[in-house]
């Protein structure tokens, strides 16, 4: 039982280190403990998806791209977007819906391949 407690304490201490500031190495330089939830493969897939998304956004018709960028990337409201572009609120909503559908269609092969 005491051996189990020691293992449990060692595990708890190692988990506490993840939340700790950078560790000082023997050479005097600070070292960051690697985060386990982001593996190099995950980072690569995120980078690949970001690249594909950028390409798909550039393929959007200009009217849809402007609404998508203002709403989903810059965080503007529908009212602000419609005022900036000089279109009705309904037109802004419609263009955003079509832009999202287009992007979903463009990215579907990549997303399905990752499952």
PDB file of N, CA and C in Angstrom:
ATOM      1  N   UNK A   1       0.828  -1.205   0.000  1.00  0.00           N
ATOM      2  CA  UNK A   1       0.000   0.000   0.000  1.00  0.00           C
ATOM      3  C   UNK A   1       0.866   1.260   0.000  1.00  0.00           C
ATOM      4  N   UNK A   2       1.941   1.242   0.781  1.00  0.00           N
ATOM      5  CA  UNK A   2       2.787   2.437   0.829  1.00  0.00           C
ATOM      6  C   UNK A   2       3.467   2.673  -0.510  1.00  0.00           C
ATOM      7  N   UNK A   3       3.798   1.606  -1.227  1.00  0.00           N
ATOM      8  CA  UNK A   3       4.406   1.757  -2.547  1.00  0.00           C
ATOM      9  C   UNK A   3       3.402   2.382  -3.516  1.00  0.00           C
ATOM     10  N   UNK A   4       2.146   1.986  -3.433  1.00  0.00           N
ATOM     11  CA  UNK A   4       1.111   2.577  -4.275  1.00  0.00           C
ATOM     12  C   UNK A   4       0.954   4.063  -3.980  1.00  0.00           C
ATOM     13  N   UNK A   5       0.984   4.414  -2.669  1.00  0.00           N
ATOM     14  CA  UNK A   5       0.875   5.826  -2.293  1.00  0.00           C
ATOM     15  C   UNK A   5       2.035   6.627  -2.843  1.00  0.00           C
ATOM     16  N   UNK A   6       3.251   6.046  -2.792  1.00  0.00           N
ATOM     17  CA  UNK A   6       4.423   6.754  -3.329  1.00  0.00           C
ATOM     18  C   UNK A   6       4.270   6.987  -4.829  1.00  0.00           C
ATOM     19  N   UNK A   7       3.797   5.981  -5.555  1.00  0.00           N
ATOM     20  CA  UNK A   7       3.579   6.136  -6.999  1.00  0.00           C
ATOM     21  C   UNK A   7       2.531   7.200  -7.275  1.00  0.00           C
ATOM     22  N   UNK A   8       1.465   7.182  -6.469  1.00  0.00           N
ATOM     23  CA  UNK A   8       0.405   8.164  -6.634  1.00  0.00           C
ATOM     24  C   UNK A   8       0.923   9.570  -6.374  1.00  0.00           C
ATOM     25  N   UNK A   9       1.729   9.728  -5.315  1.00  0.00           N
ATOM     26  CA  UNK A   9       2.300  11.053  -5.017  1.00  0.00           C
ATOM     27  C   UNK A   9       3.249  11.505  -6.115  1.00  0.00           C
ATOM     28  N   UNK A  10       4.056  10.579  -6.635  1.00  0.00           N
ATOM     29  CA  UNK A  10       4.981  10.926  -7.714  1.00  0.00           C
ATOM     30  C   UNK A  10       4.218  11.390  -8.945  1.00  0.00           C
ATOM     31  N   UNK A  11       3.114  10.718  -9.246  1.00  0.00           N
ATOM     32  CA  UNK A  11       2.295  11.114 -10.379  1.00  0.00           C
ATOM     33  C   UNK A  11       1.686  12.489 -10.154  1.00  0.00           C
ATOM     34  N   UNK A  12       1.168  12.731  -8.956  1.00  0.00           N
ATOM     35  CA  UNK A  12       0.584  14.037  -8.639  1.00  0.00           C
ATOM     36  C   UNK A  12       1.630  15.143  -8.762  1.00  0.00           C
ATOM     37  N   UNK A  13       2.843  14.881  -8.284  1.00  0.00           N
ATOM     38  CA  UNK A  13       3.906  15.887  -8.372  1.00  0.00           C
ATOM     39  C   UNK A  13       4.278  16.170  -9.815  1.00  0.00           C
ATOM     40  N   UNK A  14       4.329  15.115 -10.652  1.00  0.00           N
ATOM     41  CA  UNK A  14       4.673  15.336 -12.054  1.00  0.00           C
ATOM     42  C   UNK A  14       3.586  16.133 -12.766  1.00  0.00           C
ATOM     43  N   UNK A  15       2.328  15.910 -12.386  1.00  0.00           N
ATOM     44  CA  UNK A  15       1.239  16.675 -12.982  1.00  0.00           C
ATOM     45  C   UNK A  15       1.269  18.128 -12.523  1.00  0.00           C
ATOM     46  N   UNK A  16       1.686  18.369 -11.289  1.00  0.00           N
ATOM     47  CA  UNK A  16       1.808  19.736 -10.794  1.00  0.00           C
ATOM     48  C   UNK A  16       2.886  20.500 -11.542  1.00  0.00           C
ATOM     49  N   UNK A  17       3.915  19.792 -11.998  1.00  0.00           N
ATOM     50  CA  UNK A  17       4.996  20.447 -12.741  1.00  0.00           C
ATOM     51  C   UNK A  17       4.504  21.039 -14.056  1.00  0.00           C
ATOM     52  N   UNK A  18       3.450  20.446 -14.636  1.00  0.00           N
ATOM     53  CA  UNK A  18       2.920  20.965 -15.898  1.00  0.00           C
ATOM     54  C   UNK A  18       2.393  22.384 -15.748  1.00  0.00           C
ATOM     55  N   UNK A  19       1.881  22.714 -14.569  1.00  0.00           N
ATOM     56  CA  UNK A  19       1.352  24.048 -14.330  1.00  0.00           C
ATOM     57  C   UNK A  19       2.408  25.000 -13.793  1.00  0.00           C
ATOM     58  N   UNK A  20       3.591  24.482 -13.532  1.00  0.00           N
ATOM     59  CA  UNK A  20       4.660  25.294 -12.941  1.00  0.00           C
ATOM     60  C   UNK A  20       5.333  26.140 -14.021  1.00  0.00           C
ATOM     61  N   UNK A  21       6.052  27.200 -13.606  1.00  0.00           N
ATOM     62  CA  UNK A  21       6.804  28.003 -14.561  1.00  0.00           C
ATOM     63  C   UNK A  21       7.954  27.190 -15.149  1.00  0.00           C
ATOM     64  N   UNK A  22       8.659  27.716 -16.159  1.00  0.00           N
ATOM     65  CA  UNK A  22       9.755  26.977 -16.784  1.00  0.00           C
ATOM     66  C   UNK A  22      10.777  26.496 -15.755  1.00  0.00           C
ATOM     67  N   UNK A  23      11.330  25.321 -16.000  1.00  0.00           N
ATOM     68  CA  UNK A  23      12.293  24.690 -15.104  1.00  0.00           C
ATOM     69  C   UNK A  23      13.686  25.173 -15.448  1.00  0.00           C
ATOM     70  N   UNK A  24      14.518  25.395 -14.429  1.00  0.00           N
ATOM     71  CA  UNK A  24      15.893  25.821 -14.632  1.00  0.00           C
ATOM     72  C   UNK A  24      16.744  24.587 -14.911  1.00  0.00           C
ATOM     73  N   UNK A  25      17.402  24.543 -16.062  1.00  0.00           N
ATOM     74  CA  UNK A  25      18.244  23.407 -16.428  1.00  0.00           C
ATOM     75  C   UNK A  25      19.602  23.495 -15.764  1.00  0.00           C
ATOM     76  N   UNK A  26      20.399  22.422 -15.906  1.00  0.00           N
ATOM     77  CA  UNK A  26      21.727  22.404 -15.296  1.00  0.00           C
ATOM     78  C   UNK A  26      22.668  23.417 -15.929  1.00  0.00           C
ATOM     79  N   UNK A  27      22.362  23.861 -17.133  1.00  0.00           N
ATOM     80  CA  UNK A  27      23.190  24.860 -17.793  1.00  0.00           C
ATOM     81  C   UNK A  27      22.745  26.287 -17.478  1.00  0.00           C
ATOM     82  N   UNK A  28      21.742  26.421 -16.605  1.00  0.00           N
ATOM     83  CA  UNK A  28      21.288  27.747 -16.187  1.00  0.00           C
ATOM     84  C   UNK A  28      20.208  28.342 -17.056  1.00  0.00           C
ATOM     85  N   UNK A  29      19.835  27.662 -18.127  1.00  0.00           N
ATOM     86  CA  UNK A  29      18.789  28.185 -19.012  1.00  0.00           C
ATOM     87  C   UNK A  29      17.442  27.583 -18.637  1.00  0.00           C
ATOM     88  N   UNK A  30      16.408  28.396 -18.778  1.00  0.00           N
ATOM     89  CA  UNK A  30      15.060  27.916 -18.487  1.00  0.00           C
ATOM     90  C   UNK A  30      14.578  26.967 -19.559  1.00  0.00           C
ATOM     91  N   UNK A  31      13.862  25.952 -19.156  1.00  0.00           N
ATOM     92  CA  UNK A  31      13.311  24.976 -20.097  1.00  0.00           C
ATOM     93  C   UNK A  31      11.819  24.849 -19.844  1.00  0.00           C
ATOM     94  N   UNK A  32      11.075  24.820 -20.911  1.00  0.00           N
ATOM     95  CA  UNK A  32       9.626  24.676 -20.823  1.00  0.00           C
ATOM     96  C   UNK A  32       9.282  23.194 -20.919  1.00  0.00           C
ATOM     97  N   UNK A  33       8.435  22.729 -20.037  1.00  0.00           N
ATOM     98  CA  UNK A  33       7.979  21.346 -20.097  1.00  0.00           C
ATOM     99  C   UNK A  33       6.968  21.237 -21.233  1.00  0.00           C
ATOM    100  N   UNK A  34       7.128  20.214 -22.051  1.00  0.00           N
ATOM    101  CA  UNK A  34       6.241  20.032 -23.200  1.00  0.00           C
ATOM    102  C   UNK A  34       4.818  19.783 -22.733  1.00  0.00           C
ATOM    103  N   UNK A  35       3.883  20.378 -23.444  1.00  0.00           N
ATOM    104  CA  UNK A  35       2.471  20.169 -23.132  1.00  0.00           C
ATOM    105  C   UNK A  35       2.022  18.921 -23.879  1.00  0.00           C
ATOM    106  N   UNK A  36       1.363  18.020 -23.179  1.00  0.00           N
ATOM    107  CA  UNK A  36       0.994  16.743 -23.764  1.00  0.00           C
ATOM    108  C   UNK A  36      -0.222  16.821 -24.657  1.00  0.00           C
ATOM    109  N   UNK A  37      -1.029  17.877 -24.545  1.00  0.00           N
ATOM    110  CA  UNK A  37      -2.223  17.899 -25.375  1.00  0.00           C
ATOM    111  C   UNK A  37      -1.952  18.388 -26.799  1.00  0.00           C
ATOM    112  N   UNK A  38      -0.782  18.949 -27.057  1.00  0.00           N
ATOM    113  CA  UNK A  38      -0.436  19.391 -28.409  1.00  0.00           C
ATOM    114  C   UNK A  38       0.794  18.629 -28.883  1.00  0.00           C
ATOM    115  N   UNK A  39       0.560  17.589 -29.659  1.00  0.00           N
ATOM    116  CA  UNK A  39       1.670  16.817 -30.199  1.00  0.00           C
ATOM    117  C   UNK A  39       2.132  17.473 -31.494  1.00  0.00           C
ATOM    118  N   UNK A  40       3.334  17.164 -31.954  1.00  0.00           N
ATOM    119  CA  UNK A  40       3.782  17.706 -33.241  1.00  0.00           C
ATOM    120  C   UNK A  40       2.825  17.359 -34.384  1.00  0.00           C
ATOM    121  N   UNK A  41       2.235  16.174 -34.327  1.00  0.00           N
ATOM    122  CA  UNK A  41       1.276  15.784 -35.373  1.00  0.00           C
ATOM    123  C   UNK A  41       0.049  16.689 -35.341  1.00  0.00           C
ATOM    124  N   UNK A  42      -0.431  17.002 -34.143  1.00  0.00           N
ATOM    125  CA  UNK A  42      -1.586  17.898 -34.025  1.00  0.00           C
ATOM    126  C   UNK A  42      -1.252  19.280 -34.571  1.00  0.00           C
ATOM    127  N   UNK A  43      -0.078  19.770 -34.254  1.00  0.00           N
ATOM    128  CA  UNK A  43       0.338  21.094 -34.743  1.00  0.00           C
ATOM    129  C   UNK A  43       0.431  21.106 -36.261  1.00  0.00           C
ATOM    130  N   UNK A  44       0.947  20.032 -36.833  1.00  0.00           N
ATOM    131  CA  UNK A  44       1.060  19.940 -38.285  1.00  0.00           C
ATOM    132  C   UNK A  44      -0.313  19.897 -38.944  1.00  0.00           C
ATOM    133  N   UNK A  45      -1.233  19.120 -38.360  1.00  0.00           N
ATOM    134  CA  UNK A  45      -2.590  19.049 -38.910  1.00  0.00           C
ATOM    135  C   UNK A  45      -3.294  20.396 -38.809  1.00  0.00           C
ATOM    136  N   UNK A  46      -3.099  21.095 -37.701  1.00  0.00           N
ATOM    137  CA  UNK A  46      -3.694  22.428 -37.551  1.00  0.00           C
ATOM    138  C   UNK A  46      -3.141  23.380 -38.598  1.00  0.00           C
ATOM    139  N   UNK A  47      -1.835  23.306 -38.830  1.00  0.00           N
ATOM    140  CA  UNK A  47      -1.203  24.176 -39.824  1.00  0.00           C
ATOM    141  C   UNK A  47      -1.721  23.849 -41.225  1.00  0.00           C
ATOM    142  N   UNK A  48      -1.872  22.557 -41.517  1.00  0.00           N
ATOM    143  CA  UNK A  48      -2.389  22.153 -42.823  1.00  0.00           C
ATOM    144  C   UNK A  48      -3.830  22.630 -43.016  1.00  0.00           C
ATOM    145  N   UNK A  49      -4.657  22.472 -41.974  1.00  0.00           N
ATOM    146  CA  UNK A  49      -6.045  22.917 -42.055  1.00  0.00           C
ATOM    147  C   UNK A  49      -6.115  24.430 -42.233  1.00  0.00           C
ATOM    148  N   UNK A  50      -5.281  25.166 -41.525  1.00  0.00           N
ATOM    149  CA  UNK A  50      -5.259  26.625 -41.647  1.00  0.00           C
ATOM    150  C   UNK A  50      -4.897  27.045 -43.080  1.00  0.00           C
ATOM    151  N   UNK A  51      -3.933  26.332 -43.672  1.00  0.00           N
ATOM    152  CA  UNK A  51      -3.538  26.632 -45.050  1.00  0.00           C
ATOM    153  C   UNK A  51      -4.689  26.351 -46.018  1.00  0.00           C
ATOM    154  N   UNK A  52      -5.357  25.211 -45.842  1.00  0.00           N
ATOM    155  CA  UNK A  52      -6.494  24.875 -46.705  1.00  0.00           C
ATOM    156  C   UNK A  52      -7.639  25.866 -46.533  1.00  0.00           C
ATOM    157  N   UNK A  53      -7.863  26.301 -45.298  1.00  0.00           N
ATOM    158  CA  UNK A  53      -8.916  27.280 -45.040  1.00  0.00           C
ATOM    159  C   UNK A  53      -8.587  28.606 -45.714  1.00  0.00           C
ATOM    160  N   UNK A  54      -7.339  29.037 -45.627  1.00  0.00           N
ATOM    161  CA  UNK A  54      -6.932  30.283 -46.298  1.00  0.00           C
ATOM    162  C   UNK A  54      -7.160  30.199 -47.808  1.00  0.00           C
ATOM    163  N   UNK A  55      -6.804  29.057 -48.385  1.00  0.00           N
ATOM    164  CA  UNK A  55      -7.020  28.875 -49.828  1.00  0.00           C
ATOM    165  C   UNK A  55      -8.508  28.897 -50.171  1.00  0.00           C
ATOM    166  N   UNK A  56      -9.319  28.241 -49.343  1.00  0.00           N
ATOM    167  CA  UNK A  56     -10.761  28.197 -49.600  1.00  0.00           C
ATOM    168  C   UNK A  56     -11.371  29.586 -49.470  1.00  0.00           C
ATOM    169  N   UNK A  57     -10.916  30.375 -48.513  1.00  0.00           N
ATOM    170  CA  UNK A  57     -11.430  31.743 -48.348  1.00  0.00           C
ATOM    171  C   UNK A  57     -11.113  32.568 -49.582  1.00  0.00           C
ATOM    172  N   UNK A  58      -9.925  32.380 -50.150  1.00  0.00           N
ATOM    173  CA  UNK A  58      -9.562  33.130 -51.359  1.00  0.00           C
ATOM    174  C   UNK A  58     -10.409  32.720 -52.566  1.00  0.00           C
ATOM    175  N   UNK A  59     -10.957  31.512 -52.547  1.00  0.00           N
ATOM    176  CA  UNK A  59     -11.820  31.050 -53.646  1.00  0.00           C
ATOM    177  C   UNK A  59     -13.245  31.597 -53.534  1.00  0.00           C
ATOM    178  N   UNK A  60     -13.609  32.112 -52.364  1.00  0.00           N
ATOM    179  CA  UNK A  60     -14.952  32.665 -52.186  1.00  0.00           C
ATOM    180  C   UNK A  60     -15.187  33.834 -53.135  1.00  0.00           C
ATOM    181  N   UNK A  61     -16.412  33.985 -53.650  1.00  0.00           N
ATOM    182  CA  UNK A  61     -16.729  35.203 -54.382  1.00  0.00           C
ATOM    183  C   UNK A  61     -16.515  36.416 -53.463  1.00  0.00           C
ATOM    184  N   UNK A  62     -16.111  37.523 -54.025  1.00  0.00           N
ATOM    185  CA  UNK A  62     -15.741  38.701 -53.235  1.00  0.00           C
ATOM    186  C   UNK A  62     -16.844  39.120 -52.267  1.00  0.00           C
ATOM    187  N   UNK A  63     -18.092  39.130 -52.705  1.00  0.00           N
ATOM    188  CA  UNK A  63     -19.205  39.541 -51.842  1.00  0.00           C
ATOM    189  C   UNK A  63     -19.304  38.653 -50.601  1.00  0.00           C
ATOM    190  N   UNK A  64     -19.140  37.353 -50.808  1.00  0.00           N
ATOM    191  CA  UNK A  64     -19.221  36.414 -49.691  1.00  0.00           C
ATOM    192  C   UNK A  64     -17.993  36.538 -48.794  1.00  0.00           C
ATOM    193  N   UNK A  65     -16.824  36.707 -49.430  1.00  0.00           N
ATOM    194  CA  UNK A  65     -15.571  36.799 -48.671  1.00  0.00           C
ATOM    195  C   UNK A  65     -15.579  37.990 -47.733  1.00  0.00           C
ATOM    196  N   UNK A  66     -16.064  39.143 -48.207  1.00  0.00           N
ATOM    197  CA  UNK A  66     -16.097  40.340 -47.372  1.00  0.00           C
ATOM    198  C   UNK A  66     -16.968  40.132 -46.132  1.00  0.00           C
ATOM    199  N   UNK A  67     -18.147  39.553 -46.346  1.00  0.00           N
ATOM    200  CA  UNK A  67     -19.043  39.314 -45.213  1.00  0.00           C
ATOM    201  C   UNK A  67     -18.422  38.300 -44.254  1.00  0.00           C
ATOM    202  N   UNK A  68     -17.844  37.229 -44.787  1.00  0.00           N
ATOM    203  CA  UNK A  68     -17.231  36.207 -43.946  1.00  0.00           C
ATOM    204  C   UNK A  68     -16.093  36.791 -43.100  1.00  0.00           C
ATOM    205  N   UNK A  69     -15.242  37.576 -43.713  1.00  0.00           N
ATOM    206  CA  UNK A  69     -14.110  38.166 -42.986  1.00  0.00           C
ATOM    207  C   UNK A  69     -14.600  39.113 -41.893  1.00  0.00           C
ATOM    208  N   UNK A  70     -15.552  39.970 -42.248  1.00  0.00           N
ATOM    209  CA  UNK A  70     -16.051  40.916 -41.241  1.00  0.00           C
ATOM    210  C   UNK A  70     -16.740  40.203 -40.080  1.00  0.00           C
ATOM    211  N   UNK A  71     -17.558  39.203 -40.382  1.00  0.00           N
ATOM    212  CA  UNK A  71     -18.332  38.541 -39.324  1.00  0.00           C
ATOM    213  C   UNK A  71     -17.513  37.516 -38.545  1.00  0.00           C
ATOM    214  N   UNK A  72     -16.918  36.565 -39.247  1.00  0.00           N
ATOM    215  CA  UNK A  72     -16.290  35.436 -38.560  1.00  0.00           C
ATOM    216  C   UNK A  72     -14.828  35.658 -38.196  1.00  0.00           C
ATOM    217  N   UNK A  73     -14.150  36.529 -38.894  1.00  0.00           N
ATOM    218  CA  UNK A  73     -12.743  36.735 -38.576  1.00  0.00           C
ATOM    219  C   UNK A  73     -12.519  37.988 -37.727  1.00  0.00           C
ATOM    220  N   UNK A  74     -13.257  39.030 -38.036  1.00  0.00           N
ATOM    221  CA  UNK A  74     -13.093  40.273 -37.275  1.00  0.00           C
ATOM    222  C   UNK A  74     -14.109  40.412 -36.149  1.00  0.00           C
ATOM    223  N   UNK A  75     -15.117  39.567 -36.132  1.00  0.00           N
ATOM    224  CA  UNK A  75     -16.083  39.556 -35.045  1.00  0.00           C
ATOM    225  C   UNK A  75     -17.100  40.688 -35.070  1.00  0.00           C
ATOM    226  N   UNK A  76     -17.323  41.271 -36.222  1.00  0.00           N
ATOM    227  CA  UNK A  76     -18.333  42.334 -36.335  1.00  0.00           C
ATOM    228  C   UNK A  76     -19.731  41.730 -36.247  1.00  0.00           C
ATOM    229  N   UNK A  77     -20.679  42.523 -35.816  1.00  0.00           N
ATOM    230  CA  UNK A  77     -22.065  42.065 -35.768  1.00  0.00           C
ATOM    231  C   UNK A  77     -22.665  42.135 -37.173  1.00  0.00           C
ATOM    232  N   UNK A  78     -23.821  41.511 -37.324  1.00  0.00           N
ATOM    233  CA  UNK A  78     -24.498  41.541 -38.619  1.00  0.00           C
ATOM    234  C   UNK A  78     -24.859  42.981 -38.987  1.00  0.00           C
ATOM    235  N   UNK A  79     -25.306  43.762 -38.003  1.00  0.00           N
ATOM    236  CA  UNK A  79     -25.665  45.154 -38.258  1.00  0.00           C
ATOM    237  C   UNK A  79     -24.442  45.968 -38.698  1.00  0.00           C
ATOM    238  N   UNK A  80     -23.312  45.766 -38.015  1.00  0.00           N
ATOM    239  CA  UNK A  80     -22.085  46.488 -38.387  1.00  0.00           C
ATOM    240  C   UNK A  80     -21.630  46.098 -39.787  1.00  0.00           C
ATOM    241  N   UNK A  81     -21.684  44.804 -40.074  1.00  0.00           N
ATOM    242  CA  UNK A  81     -21.275  44.310 -41.389  1.00  0.00           C
ATOM    243  C   UNK A  81     -22.135  44.900 -42.488  1.00  0.00           C
ATOM    244  N   UNK A  82     -23.444  44.901 -42.274  1.00  0.00           N
ATOM    245  CA  UNK A  82     -24.335  45.434 -43.303  1.00  0.00           C
ATOM    246  C   UNK A  82     -24.101  46.937 -43.490  1.00  0.00           C
ATOM    247  N   UNK A  83     -23.829  47.663 -42.410  1.00  0.00           N
ATOM    248  CA  UNK A  83     -23.565  49.104 -42.522  1.00  0.00           C
ATOM    249  C   UNK A  83     -22.248  49.365 -43.260  1.00  0.00           C
ATOM    250  N   UNK A  84     -21.215  48.588 -42.950  1.00  0.00           N
ATOM    251  CA  UNK A  84     -19.912  48.774 -43.605  1.00  0.00           C
ATOM    252  C   UNK A  84     -20.009  48.517 -45.100  1.00  0.00           C
ATOM    253  N   UNK A  85     -20.743  47.461 -45.471  1.00  0.00           N
ATOM    254  CA  UNK A  85     -20.841  47.085 -46.882  1.00  0.00           C
ATOM    255  C   UNK A  85     -21.971  47.787 -47.618  1.00  0.00           C
ATOM    256  N   UNK A  86     -22.841  48.466 -46.872  1.00  0.00           N
ATOM    257  CA  UNK A  86     -23.954  49.159 -47.501  1.00  0.00           C
ATOM    258  C   UNK A  86     -24.997  48.211 -48.070  1.00  0.00           C
ATOM    259  N   UNK A  87     -25.233  47.102 -47.380  1.00  0.00           N
ATOM    260  CA  UNK A  87     -26.242  46.134 -47.812  1.00  0.00           C
ATOM    261  C   UNK A  87     -27.232  45.927 -46.669  1.00  0.00           C
ATOM    262  N   UNK A  88     -28.333  45.262 -46.968  1.00  0.00           N
ATOM    263  CA  UNK A  88     -29.333  45.012 -45.924  1.00  0.00           C
ATOM    264  C   UNK A  88     -28.835  43.926 -44.968  1.00  0.00           C
ATOM    265  N   UNK A  89     -29.424  43.876 -43.797  1.00  0.00           N
ATOM    266  CA  UNK A  89     -29.072  42.858 -42.810  1.00  0.00           C
ATOM    267  C   UNK A  89     -29.373  41.466 -43.370  1.00  0.00           C
ATOM    268  N   UNK A  90     -30.495  41.331 -44.059  1.00  0.00           N
ATOM    269  CA  UNK A  90     -30.864  40.045 -44.640  1.00  0.00           C
ATOM    270  C   UNK A  90     -29.835  39.595 -45.683  1.00  0.00           C
ATOM    271  N   UNK A  91     -29.344  40.542 -46.486  1.00  0.00           N
ATOM    272  CA  UNK A  91     -28.329  40.210 -47.489  1.00  0.00           C
ATOM    273  C   UNK A  91     -27.034  39.768 -46.815  1.00  0.00           C
ATOM    274  N   UNK A  92     -26.662  40.427 -45.718  1.00  0.00           N
ATOM    275  CA  UNK A  92     -25.452  40.045 -44.985  1.00  0.00           C
ATOM    276  C   UNK A  92     -25.594  38.628 -44.428  1.00  0.00           C
ATOM    277  N   UNK A  93     -26.755  38.328 -43.860  1.00  0.00           N
ATOM    278  CA  UNK A  93     -26.990  36.989 -43.318  1.00  0.00           C
ATOM    279  C   UNK A  93     -26.949  35.935 -44.413  1.00  0.00           C
ATOM    280  N   UNK A  94     -27.573  36.241 -45.535  1.00  0.00           N
ATOM    281  CA  UNK A  94     -27.615  35.304 -46.645  1.00  0.00           C
ATOM    282  C   UNK A  94     -26.214  35.037 -47.199  1.00  0.00           C
ATOM    283  N   UNK A  95     -25.435  36.089 -47.377  1.00  0.00           N
ATOM    284  CA  UNK A  95     -24.070  35.928 -47.902  1.00  0.00           C
ATOM    285  C   UNK A  95     -23.196  35.146 -46.935  1.00  0.00           C
ATOM    286  N   UNK A  96     -23.374  35.389 -45.653  1.00  0.00           N
ATOM    287  CA  UNK A  96     -22.592  34.653 -44.662  1.00  0.00           C
ATOM    288  C   UNK A  96     -22.959  33.173 -44.686  1.00  0.00           C
ATOM    289  N   UNK A  97     -24.236  32.883 -44.762  1.00  0.00           N
ATOM    290  CA  UNK A  97     -24.687  31.494 -44.821  1.00  0.00           C
ATOM    291  C   UNK A  97     -24.117  30.798 -46.057  1.00  0.00           C
ATOM    292  N   UNK A  98     -24.134  31.475 -47.195  1.00  0.00           N
ATOM    293  CA  UNK A  98     -23.595  30.888 -48.423  1.00  0.00           C
ATOM    294  C   UNK A  98     -22.080  30.726 -48.349  1.00  0.00           C
ATOM    295  N   UNK A  99     -21.402  31.684 -47.742  1.00  0.00           N
ATOM    296  CA  UNK A  99     -19.945  31.591 -47.589  1.00  0.00           C
ATOM    297  C   UNK A  99     -19.571  30.397 -46.717  1.00  0.00           C
ATOM    298  N   UNK A 100     -20.268  30.229 -45.618  1.00  0.00           N
ATOM    299  CA  UNK A 100     -19.989  29.103 -44.726  1.00  0.00           C
ATOM    300  C   UNK A 100     -20.267  27.771 -45.417  1.00  0.00           C
ATOM    301  N   UNK A 101     -21.356  27.702 -46.190  1.00  0.00           N
ATOM    302  CA  UNK A 101     -21.679  26.469 -46.919  1.00  0.00           C
ATOM    303  C   UNK A 101     -20.589  26.155 -47.941  1.00  0.00           C
ATOM    304  N   UNK A 102     -20.113  27.182 -48.634  1.00  0.00           N
ATOM    305  CA  UNK A 102     -19.047  27.012 -49.619  1.00  0.00           C
ATOM    306  C   UNK A 102     -17.785  26.485 -48.936  1.00  0.00           C
ATOM    307  N   UNK A 103     -17.412  27.085 -47.822  1.00  0.00           N
ATOM    308  CA  UNK A 103     -16.197  26.667 -47.109  1.00  0.00           C
ATOM    309  C   UNK A 103     -16.344  25.245 -46.571  1.00  0.00           C
ATOM    310  N   UNK A 104     -17.519  24.923 -46.065  1.00  0.00           N
ATOM    311  CA  UNK A 104     -17.778  23.571 -45.571  1.00  0.00           C
ATOM    312  C   UNK A 104     -17.588  22.562 -46.698  1.00  0.00           C
ATOM    313  N   UNK A 105     -18.093  22.899 -47.871  1.00  0.00           N
ATOM    314  CA  UNK A 105     -17.971  22.018 -49.035  1.00  0.00           C
ATOM    315  C   UNK A 105     -16.504  21.880 -49.453  1.00  0.00           C
ATOM    316  N   UNK A 106     -15.765  22.969 -49.445  1.00  0.00           N
ATOM    317  CA  UNK A 106     -14.364  22.948 -49.841  1.00  0.00           C
ATOM    318  C   UNK A 106     -13.500  22.135 -48.864  1.00  0.00           C
ATOM    319  N   UNK A 107     -13.821  22.203 -47.581  1.00  0.00           N
ATOM    320  CA  UNK A 107     -13.016  21.532 -46.564  1.00  0.00           C
ATOM    321  C   UNK A 107     -13.497  20.123 -46.236  1.00  0.00           C
ATOM    322  N   UNK A 108     -14.641  19.720 -46.745  1.00  0.00           N
ATOM    323  CA  UNK A 108     -15.209  18.401 -46.437  1.00  0.00           C
ATOM    324  C   UNK A 108     -14.253  17.249 -46.730  1.00  0.00           C
ATOM    325  N   UNK A 109     -13.576  17.225 -47.882  1.00  0.00           N
ATOM    326  CA  UNK A 109     -12.653  16.096 -48.135  1.00  0.00           C
ATOM    327  C   UNK A 109     -11.539  15.996 -47.084  1.00  0.00           C
ATOM    328  N   UNK A 110     -11.037  17.120 -46.639  1.00  0.00           N
ATOM    329  CA  UNK A 110      -9.971  17.117 -45.633  1.00  0.00           C
ATOM    330  C   UNK A 110     -10.512  16.646 -44.287  1.00  0.00           C
ATOM    331  N   UNK A 111     -11.645  17.145 -43.890  1.00  0.00           N
ATOM    332  CA  UNK A 111     -12.219  16.795 -42.591  1.00  0.00           C
ATOM    333  C   UNK A 111     -12.603  15.327 -42.551  1.00  0.00           C
ATOM    334  N   UNK A 112     -13.181  14.809 -43.632  1.00  0.00           N
ATOM    335  CA  UNK A 112     -13.571  13.410 -43.691  1.00  0.00           C
ATOM    336  C   UNK A 112     -12.352  12.500 -43.668  1.00  0.00           C
ATOM    337  N   UNK A 113     -11.261  12.933 -44.278  1.00  0.00           N
ATOM    338  CA  UNK A 113     -10.023  12.148 -44.306  1.00  0.00           C
ATOM    339  C   UNK A 113      -9.422  12.040 -42.901  1.00  0.00           C
ATOM    340  N   UNK A 114      -9.637  13.053 -42.056  1.00  0.00           N
ATOM    341  CA  UNK A 114      -9.068  13.064 -40.707  1.00  0.00           C
ATOM    342  C   UNK A 114      -9.838  12.186 -39.726  1.00  0.00           C
ATOM    343  N   UNK A 115     -11.019  11.782 -40.072  1.00  0.00           N
ATOM    344  CA  UNK A 115     -11.837  10.960 -39.146  1.00  0.00           C
ATOM    345  C   UNK A 115     -11.385   9.539 -39.131  1.00  0.00           C
TER     346      UNK A 115
END
